Amino acid sequence: IYPLRLQEFGAGMSENKVKPMRKVAVVAAASRQEEKMLDTEVEMMIPLITEVRTKTGLDQTDIGFTCSGSSDFLAGQAFSFVMTLDAVGPVPPIAESHVEMDGAWALYETWVKFQMGVIDTALVYSYGKPSPGSLQDVLSTQLDPYYVAPLWPDAHSITALQARHLLEKGEISTQELADCAVRAGTVENKEQYFDQPMLADPLRQADCPTYADGGVAMILAAEGKAEELCEKPAWITGIDHRIDSHHFGVRDLSTVPSAKKAAEKAGLHKAEIDLAEIHTAYTVHDVLLRKELNLPLNPEKSSKNHPIKAETLMASGLLRIAEAARAIWNEEANRTLAHATSGPLMQQNLMCVLSGEKE
């Protein structure tokens, strides 16, 4: 994991000589989610990439680096991201990279590229289309290949094991799960929640995610350029990601240490957060993570203009960063937190703090 301050490597360099972080901001974002899209990944991303370039007035030749996030497992073919580059434009040749991760990690790689001092602008995008196949089967492929994956448990069942563990320990309650489901809009009230049948005991249908096809694109720019491209840049004042063990047997499933560490390194508690965009597909994860980070369990503020409708594998985390930036652009908040997670039971966590002011 790259630290927030990067050492300047060179012969005869003092150990104490440190290069200050470059200030980087999100200056434009576009997103789309639908339950089922007939478009291909290329057709889905073309209007989003075109929109952010139009908003900033940038041509692809003006963009120093392009980074994407997607899943070949989900697409069902190797190097599927290469074909999606047609949405960016195959000519002229570009500096490009890809992560087999949520697009939030593509943003992190891009942020590191900014810190290296080799770019001033960047395009980041990610997408996912779970509708053609069984996402539950795809998610099973990320489990431990020796002890867990051969059992082929689906994501709902794995999360239900954690939920039962938390309920038995008294770390969470069914009332808190019901409140979360009501806040998320999956049910209208608690009575409706408790009337639902169990999907994977103790999780009801309202506790589990619905899935949507979708994508997100955004433009990042460094200080000096960001002010030219956006009236109110959303400055990245802190960003970090951490990972917990891949093996369930050595993890304490009642806590998320990687999320707490990432939040600490990103500077979450240095100042008050006006809005938090949390990437949690299940109610149990939302409640657990909010307790871990000391965030309100029932926050009053939420994104109003582009609500995130459902879980879009490989794009949901970047969508949270886009929504956190929009809240700053729309003056709904001045300091926001965006969270992304990946892997089974929130194994990997990324925290990104955004501000309407340079810090």
Protein backbone atom coordinates (compact mmCIF):
# COMPACT_ATOMS: atom_id res chain seq x y z
CA ILE A 1 0.00 0.00 0.00
CA TYR A 2 1.35 3.36 -0.98
CA PRO A 3 1.69 5.80 1.91
CA LEU A 4 0.07 9.22 1.78
CA ARG A 5 3.49 10.75 1.35
CA LEU A 6 5.85 9.27 -1.20
CA GLN A 7 9.58 9.06 -0.62
CA GLU A 8 11.77 10.70 -3.26
CA PHE A 9 14.12 7.91 -4.21
CA GLY A 10 17.61 8.75 -5.47
CA ALA A 11 21.30 8.33 -4.79
CA GLY A 12 22.54 10.12 -1.69
CA MET A 13 19.00 11.16 -0.68
CA SER A 14 18.32 11.91 2.98
CA GLU A 15 15.79 9.59 4.64
CA ASN A 16 13.89 12.61 5.94
CA LYS A 17 13.43 14.21 2.55
CA VAL A 18 9.76 13.78 1.65
CA LYS A 19 7.81 14.98 -1.34
CA PRO A 20 4.52 16.66 -0.27
CA MET A 21 1.33 15.25 -1.70
CA ARG A 22 -0.02 16.84 -4.85
CA LYS A 23 -3.56 18.12 -4.46
CA VAL A 24 -5.93 16.17 -6.71
CA ALA A 25 -9.66 16.71 -7.25
CA VAL A 26 -12.64 15.04 -8.86
CA VAL A 27 -13.92 17.59 -11.38
CA ALA A 28 -16.62 15.70 -13.31
CA ALA A 29 -18.61 12.48 -13.00
CA ALA A 30 -21.35 10.65 -14.88
CA SER A 31 -23.14 7.45 -13.92
CA ARG A 32 -25.92 5.14 -15.01
CA GLN A 33 -27.71 2.18 -13.43
CA GLU A 34 -30.52 0.02 -14.78
CA GLU A 35 -31.84 -3.35 -13.66
CA LYS A 36 -31.05 -4.88 -17.03
CA MET A 37 -29.31 -3.21 -19.95
CA LEU A 38 -29.41 -4.51 -23.50
CA ASP A 39 -26.37 -2.37 -24.32
CA THR A 40 -22.92 -3.89 -24.50
CA GLU A 41 -20.27 -2.61 -22.11
CA VAL A 42 -18.92 -0.36 -24.86
CA GLU A 43 -22.35 1.07 -25.66
CA MET A 44 -22.99 1.58 -21.95
CA MET A 45 -19.76 3.52 -21.36
CA ILE A 46 -19.63 5.71 -24.49
CA PRO A 47 -22.23 8.27 -23.30
CA LEU A 48 -20.74 8.40 -19.78
CA ILE A 49 -17.18 8.98 -20.98
CA THR A 50 -18.41 11.49 -23.56
CA GLU A 51 -20.37 13.35 -20.86
CA VAL A 52 -17.43 13.88 -18.51
CA ARG A 53 -15.13 14.94 -21.34
CA THR A 54 -17.79 17.37 -22.56
CA LYS A 55 -18.31 18.80 -19.06
CA THR A 56 -14.61 19.57 -18.73
CA GLY A 57 -14.01 20.50 -22.35
CA LEU A 58 -11.25 17.91 -22.60
CA ASP A 59 -10.44 15.77 -25.57
CA GLN A 60 -8.87 12.36 -25.00
CA THR A 61 -5.57 13.80 -26.22
CA ASP A 62 -5.72 16.24 -23.27
CA ILE A 63 -6.04 13.40 -20.72
CA GLY A 64 -2.74 12.15 -19.34
CA PHE A 65 -3.83 8.77 -17.98
CA THR A 66 -6.83 6.44 -18.27
CA CYS A 67 -7.60 3.70 -15.72
CA SER A 68 -10.56 1.33 -15.53
CA GLY A 69 -12.01 -1.29 -13.23
CA SER A 70 -14.07 -4.32 -14.27
CA SER A 71 -14.30 -8.11 -13.97
CA ASP A 72 -13.41 -10.63 -16.66
CA PHE A 73 -15.20 -13.30 -14.59
CA LEU A 74 -18.40 -11.27 -14.73
CA ALA A 75 -18.02 -10.59 -18.47
CA GLY A 76 -17.23 -14.25 -19.10
CA GLN A 77 -14.18 -13.63 -21.25
CA ALA A 78 -10.52 -12.87 -20.75
CA PHE A 79 -9.26 -9.32 -21.30
CA SER A 80 -12.79 -8.04 -21.80
CA PHE A 81 -11.65 -4.58 -20.63
CA VAL A 82 -9.56 -4.24 -23.81
CA MET A 83 -12.72 -4.25 -25.91
CA THR A 84 -14.34 -1.64 -23.65
CA LEU A 85 -11.46 0.71 -24.46
CA ASP A 86 -13.34 1.31 -27.72
CA ALA A 87 -15.59 3.55 -25.61
CA VAL A 88 -12.55 5.72 -24.90
CA GLY A 89 -11.32 5.67 -28.48
CA PRO A 90 -8.62 3.46 -30.00
CA VAL A 91 -6.82 6.35 -31.71
CA PRO A 92 -4.55 8.03 -30.75
CA PRO A 93 -2.64 5.61 -28.46
CA ILE A 94 -3.10 6.42 -24.75
CA ALA A 95 -1.42 5.73 -21.42
CA GLU A 96 -3.84 3.20 -19.91
CA SER A 97 -4.15 0.76 -17.02
CA HIS A 98 -6.78 -1.59 -15.62
CA VAL A 99 -7.58 -3.24 -12.29
CA GLU A 100 -9.63 -6.41 -11.80
CA MET A 101 -11.30 -4.55 -8.94
CA ASP A 102 -13.99 -2.01 -8.22
CA GLY A 103 -13.30 1.27 -9.98
CA ALA A 104 -12.49 2.89 -6.63
CA TRP A 105 -9.17 1.04 -6.76
CA ALA A 106 -8.63 2.32 -10.32
CA LEU A 107 -9.05 5.79 -8.83
CA TYR A 108 -6.46 4.95 -6.17
CA GLU A 109 -3.95 3.81 -8.79
CA THR A 110 -4.63 7.03 -10.67
CA TRP A 111 -4.12 9.10 -7.51
CA VAL A 112 -0.70 7.44 -7.09
CA LYS A 113 0.09 8.33 -10.71
CA PHE A 114 -0.64 11.98 -9.86
CA GLN A 115 1.71 11.77 -6.89
CA MET A 116 4.47 10.58 -9.20
CA GLY A 117 4.15 13.92 -10.98
CA VAL A 118 3.71 12.50 -14.47
CA ILE A 119 0.10 13.56 -15.16
CA ASP A 120 -2.19 16.55 -14.56
CA THR A 121 -5.47 15.03 -15.79
CA ALA A 122 -6.95 11.54 -15.80
CA LEU A 123 -10.03 9.57 -16.82
CA VAL A 124 -11.27 6.85 -14.44
CA TYR A 125 -14.19 4.56 -15.19
CA SER A 126 -15.69 1.22 -14.21
CA TYR A 127 -18.68 -0.90 -15.10
CA GLY A 128 -20.46 -4.17 -14.51
CA LYS A 129 -23.26 -6.21 -16.11
CA PRO A 130 -24.50 -8.88 -13.68
CA SER A 131 -27.82 -9.39 -15.51
CA PRO A 132 -26.66 -11.99 -18.12
CA GLY A 133 -25.63 -14.63 -15.55
CA SER A 134 -25.55 -15.71 -11.93
CA LEU A 135 -23.64 -13.13 -9.90
CA GLN A 136 -23.82 -15.36 -6.83
CA ASP A 137 -21.79 -18.02 -8.70
CA VAL A 138 -19.28 -15.43 -9.88
CA LEU A 139 -18.75 -14.17 -6.34
CA SER A 140 -18.08 -17.73 -5.14
CA THR A 141 -14.94 -17.85 -7.29
CA GLN A 142 -13.24 -15.29 -5.03
CA LEU A 143 -13.37 -17.55 -1.97
CA ASP A 144 -10.46 -19.56 -0.56
CA PRO A 145 -9.80 -22.17 -3.28
CA TYR A 146 -8.86 -25.00 -0.90
CA TYR A 147 -11.32 -24.92 2.00
CA VAL A 148 -14.30 -22.72 1.10
CA ALA A 149 -14.77 -22.46 -2.68
CA PRO A 150 -15.18 -26.27 -3.14
CA LEU A 151 -18.29 -26.01 -0.94
CA TRP A 152 -19.60 -23.40 -3.42
CA PRO A 153 -21.43 -21.22 -0.88
CA ASP A 154 -23.24 -18.22 -2.33
CA ALA A 155 -22.67 -14.66 -1.08
CA HIS A 156 -26.01 -14.57 0.79
CA SER A 157 -25.11 -17.68 2.79
CA ILE A 158 -21.64 -16.39 3.67
CA THR A 159 -23.09 -13.10 4.88
CA ALA A 160 -25.81 -14.94 6.82
CA LEU A 161 -23.11 -16.78 8.78
CA GLN A 162 -21.57 -13.46 9.77
CA ALA A 163 -24.99 -11.97 10.59
CA ARG A 164 -25.82 -14.90 12.89
CA HIS A 165 -22.44 -14.52 14.60
CA LEU A 166 -23.06 -10.80 15.21
CA LEU A 167 -26.61 -11.34 16.45
CA GLU A 168 -25.54 -14.08 18.87
CA LYS A 169 -22.78 -11.83 20.24
CA GLY A 170 -25.23 -8.94 20.64
CA GLU A 171 -23.14 -6.70 18.37
CA ILE A 172 -26.16 -5.91 16.21
CA SER A 173 -29.92 -6.40 16.54
CA THR A 174 -32.74 -7.29 14.18
CA GLN A 175 -34.27 -3.88 14.94
CA GLU A 176 -31.13 -2.21 13.60
CA LEU A 177 -31.30 -4.34 10.46
CA ALA A 178 -34.95 -3.37 10.01
CA ASP A 179 -34.12 0.34 10.45
CA CYS A 180 -31.38 0.03 7.83
CA ALA A 181 -33.74 -1.66 5.36
CA VAL A 182 -36.31 1.11 5.83
CA ARG A 183 -33.65 3.80 5.35
CA ALA A 184 -32.38 2.06 2.21
CA GLY A 185 -35.92 1.99 0.82
CA THR A 186 -36.12 -1.77 0.34
CA VAL A 187 -39.22 -1.78 2.59
CA GLU A 188 -41.59 1.00 3.60
CA ASN A 189 -41.72 0.21 7.33
CA LYS A 190 -40.56 -2.25 9.97
CA GLU A 191 -43.78 -4.24 9.86
CA GLN A 192 -43.22 -4.94 6.19
CA TYR A 193 -39.64 -5.94 6.95
CA PHE A 194 -40.58 -8.54 9.58
CA ASP A 195 -43.31 -9.96 7.31
CA GLN A 196 -40.71 -10.96 4.72
CA PRO A 197 -39.57 -14.58 4.51
CA MET A 198 -35.99 -15.52 5.28
CA LEU A 199 -33.72 -15.59 2.24
CA ALA A 200 -30.68 -16.94 4.11
CA ASP A 201 -31.40 -17.19 7.82
CA PRO A 202 -31.19 -14.72 9.58
CA LEU A 203 -31.25 -12.46 6.50
CA ARG A 204 -34.54 -11.49 4.92
CA GLN A 205 -34.90 -10.40 1.32
CA ALA A 206 -34.72 -6.74 2.34
CA ASP A 207 -31.34 -7.41 3.97
CA CYS A 208 -29.81 -8.60 0.71
CA PRO A 209 -28.86 -6.61 -2.37
CA THR A 210 -30.64 -6.24 -5.66
CA TYR A 211 -28.34 -6.02 -8.65
CA ALA A 212 -28.16 -3.63 -11.56
CA ASP A 213 -26.11 -3.16 -14.69
CA GLY A 214 -24.28 0.13 -14.78
CA GLY A 215 -21.16 2.18 -14.98
CA VAL A 216 -19.50 5.40 -13.89
CA ALA A 217 -16.88 7.70 -15.40
CA MET A 218 -15.03 10.63 -13.87
CA ILE A 219 -12.30 13.12 -14.59
CA LEU A 220 -9.57 13.90 -12.05
CA ALA A 221 -7.21 16.86 -12.22
CA ALA A 222 -4.30 18.23 -10.24
CA GLU A 223 -4.15 21.62 -8.52
CA GLY A 224 -3.81 24.39 -11.09
CA LYS A 225 -5.73 22.42 -13.71
CA ALA A 226 -8.71 21.41 -11.55
CA GLU A 227 -9.75 25.04 -10.96
CA GLU A 228 -9.87 25.59 -14.73
CA LEU A 229 -12.11 22.57 -15.33
CA CYS A 230 -14.56 22.84 -12.43
CA GLU A 231 -16.14 25.71 -10.51
CA LYS A 232 -15.95 23.82 -7.22
CA PRO A 233 -13.50 20.88 -7.35
CA ALA A 234 -13.99 18.02 -4.89
CA TRP A 235 -10.48 17.73 -3.45
CA ILE A 236 -9.19 14.35 -2.32
CA THR A 237 -7.78 15.21 1.10
CA GLY A 238 -7.18 11.64 2.22
CA ILE A 239 -7.29 8.20 0.65
CA ASP A 240 -6.16 4.76 1.79
CA HIS A 241 -7.08 1.11 1.40
CA ARG A 242 -6.38 -1.96 3.53
CA ILE A 243 -7.10 -5.68 3.38
CA ASP A 244 -8.05 -8.35 5.91
CA SER A 245 -7.15 -12.03 5.66
CA HIS A 246 -8.63 -14.12 2.90
CA HIS A 247 -9.21 -16.98 5.36
CA PHE A 248 -12.40 -16.72 7.41
CA GLY A 249 -10.91 -18.88 10.16
CA VAL A 250 -8.30 -16.28 11.12
CA ARG A 251 -10.64 -13.28 10.92
CA ASP A 252 -12.79 -11.82 13.68
CA LEU A 253 -16.07 -11.52 11.80
CA SER A 254 -17.50 -9.13 14.39
CA THR A 255 -15.13 -6.34 13.34
CA VAL A 256 -13.61 -4.81 10.20
CA PRO A 257 -10.03 -3.80 11.10
CA SER A 258 -9.08 -2.99 7.51
CA ALA A 259 -11.86 -0.40 7.31
CA LYS A 260 -10.86 1.20 10.62
CA LYS A 261 -7.21 1.39 9.58
CA ALA A 262 -8.02 2.84 6.17
CA ALA A 263 -10.30 5.44 7.76
CA GLU A 264 -7.57 6.40 10.22
CA LYS A 265 -4.97 6.78 7.46
CA ALA A 266 -7.37 8.76 5.26
CA GLY A 267 -7.95 11.24 8.11
CA LEU A 268 -11.64 10.49 8.60
CA HIS A 269 -11.80 11.77 12.17
CA LYS A 270 -9.69 14.92 11.74
CA ALA A 271 -12.79 17.00 11.01
CA GLU A 272 -16.55 16.57 10.90
CA ILE A 273 -17.99 14.64 7.97
CA ASP A 274 -21.14 16.15 6.48
CA LEU A 275 -22.10 13.10 4.44
CA ALA A 276 -20.91 9.50 4.17
CA GLU A 277 -21.43 7.36 1.08
CA ILE A 278 -21.01 3.80 2.37
CA HIS A 279 -20.66 0.87 -0.03
CA THR A 280 -22.46 -2.00 1.69
CA ALA A 281 -24.61 -4.46 -0.22
CA TYR A 282 -26.17 -6.00 2.93
CA THR A 283 -27.90 -4.32 5.87
CA VAL A 284 -25.70 -6.23 8.32
CA HIS A 285 -22.58 -4.75 6.72
CA ASP A 286 -24.02 -1.24 6.77
CA VAL A 287 -24.81 -1.46 10.48
CA LEU A 288 -21.46 -3.08 11.33
CA LEU A 289 -19.38 -0.59 9.34
CA ARG A 290 -21.17 2.46 10.71
CA LYS A 291 -20.51 1.23 14.24
CA GLU A 292 -16.86 0.58 13.41
CA LEU A 293 -16.41 4.10 12.04
CA ASN A 294 -18.65 5.84 14.62
CA LEU A 295 -21.01 7.06 11.91
CA PRO A 296 -24.73 7.66 12.52
CA LEU A 297 -26.81 4.52 12.06
CA ASN A 298 -29.66 6.57 10.60
CA PRO A 299 -28.09 9.58 8.88
CA GLU A 300 -30.35 12.47 7.94
CA LYS A 301 -28.41 13.53 4.85
CA SER A 302 -28.17 11.41 1.72
CA SER A 303 -27.57 11.89 -1.98
CA LYS A 304 -30.67 13.36 -3.61
CA ASN A 305 -29.90 13.84 -7.27
CA HIS A 306 -28.46 10.49 -8.37
CA PRO A 307 -29.40 7.85 -5.78
CA ILE A 308 -27.55 4.53 -6.07
CA LYS A 309 -30.27 2.08 -6.98
CA ALA A 310 -28.61 -1.27 -6.43
CA GLU A 311 -25.35 -3.18 -6.30
CA THR A 312 -23.30 -2.98 -9.50
CA LEU A 313 -20.29 -5.25 -9.20
CA MET A 314 -17.03 -3.41 -10.00
CA ALA A 315 -18.71 0.02 -10.08
CA SER A 316 -20.51 0.50 -6.73
CA GLY A 317 -17.45 1.85 -4.91
CA LEU A 318 -16.59 4.36 -7.63
CA LEU A 319 -20.27 5.34 -7.69
CA ARG A 320 -19.95 6.25 -3.99
CA ILE A 321 -16.99 8.52 -4.77
CA ALA A 322 -18.99 10.13 -7.58
CA GLU A 323 -21.94 10.75 -5.24
CA ALA A 324 -19.68 12.17 -2.53
CA ALA A 325 -18.21 14.56 -5.10
CA ARG A 326 -21.67 15.56 -6.38
CA ALA A 327 -22.72 16.51 -2.86
CA ILE A 328 -19.83 18.99 -2.80
CA TRP A 329 -20.57 20.36 -6.28
CA ASN A 330 -24.25 20.82 -5.34
CA GLU A 331 -23.27 22.45 -2.01
CA GLU A 332 -25.13 19.80 -0.03
CA ALA A 333 -21.95 19.12 1.94
CA ASN A 334 -18.45 20.51 2.30
CA ARG A 335 -16.63 17.40 3.54
CA THR A 336 -17.66 13.91 2.56
CA LEU A 337 -16.54 10.33 2.97
CA ALA A 338 -16.73 7.74 0.19
CA HIS A 339 -16.18 4.08 1.01
CA ALA A 340 -15.65 1.10 -1.28
CA THR A 341 -15.37 -2.55 -0.42
CA SER A 342 -14.42 -5.71 -2.29
CA GLY A 343 -13.97 -9.37 -1.50
CA PRO A 344 -16.04 -11.66 0.75
CA LEU A 345 -17.45 -10.12 3.93
CA MET A 346 -15.86 -6.70 3.30
CA GLN A 347 -12.38 -8.20 3.10
CA GLN A 348 -10.91 -5.12 1.39
CA ASN A 349 -11.85 -1.54 2.19
CA LEU A 350 -10.99 1.83 0.67
CA MET A 351 -11.70 5.20 2.26
CA CYS A 352 -11.66 8.47 0.34
CA VAL A 353 -12.25 11.83 2.05
CA LEU A 354 -13.33 14.69 -0.21
CA SER A 355 -13.55 18.39 0.58
CA GLY A 356 -14.80 21.50 -1.11
CA GLU A 357 -11.72 23.28 0.22
CA LYS A 358 -8.03 22.52 -0.14
CA GLU A 359 -6.66 21.15 3.14
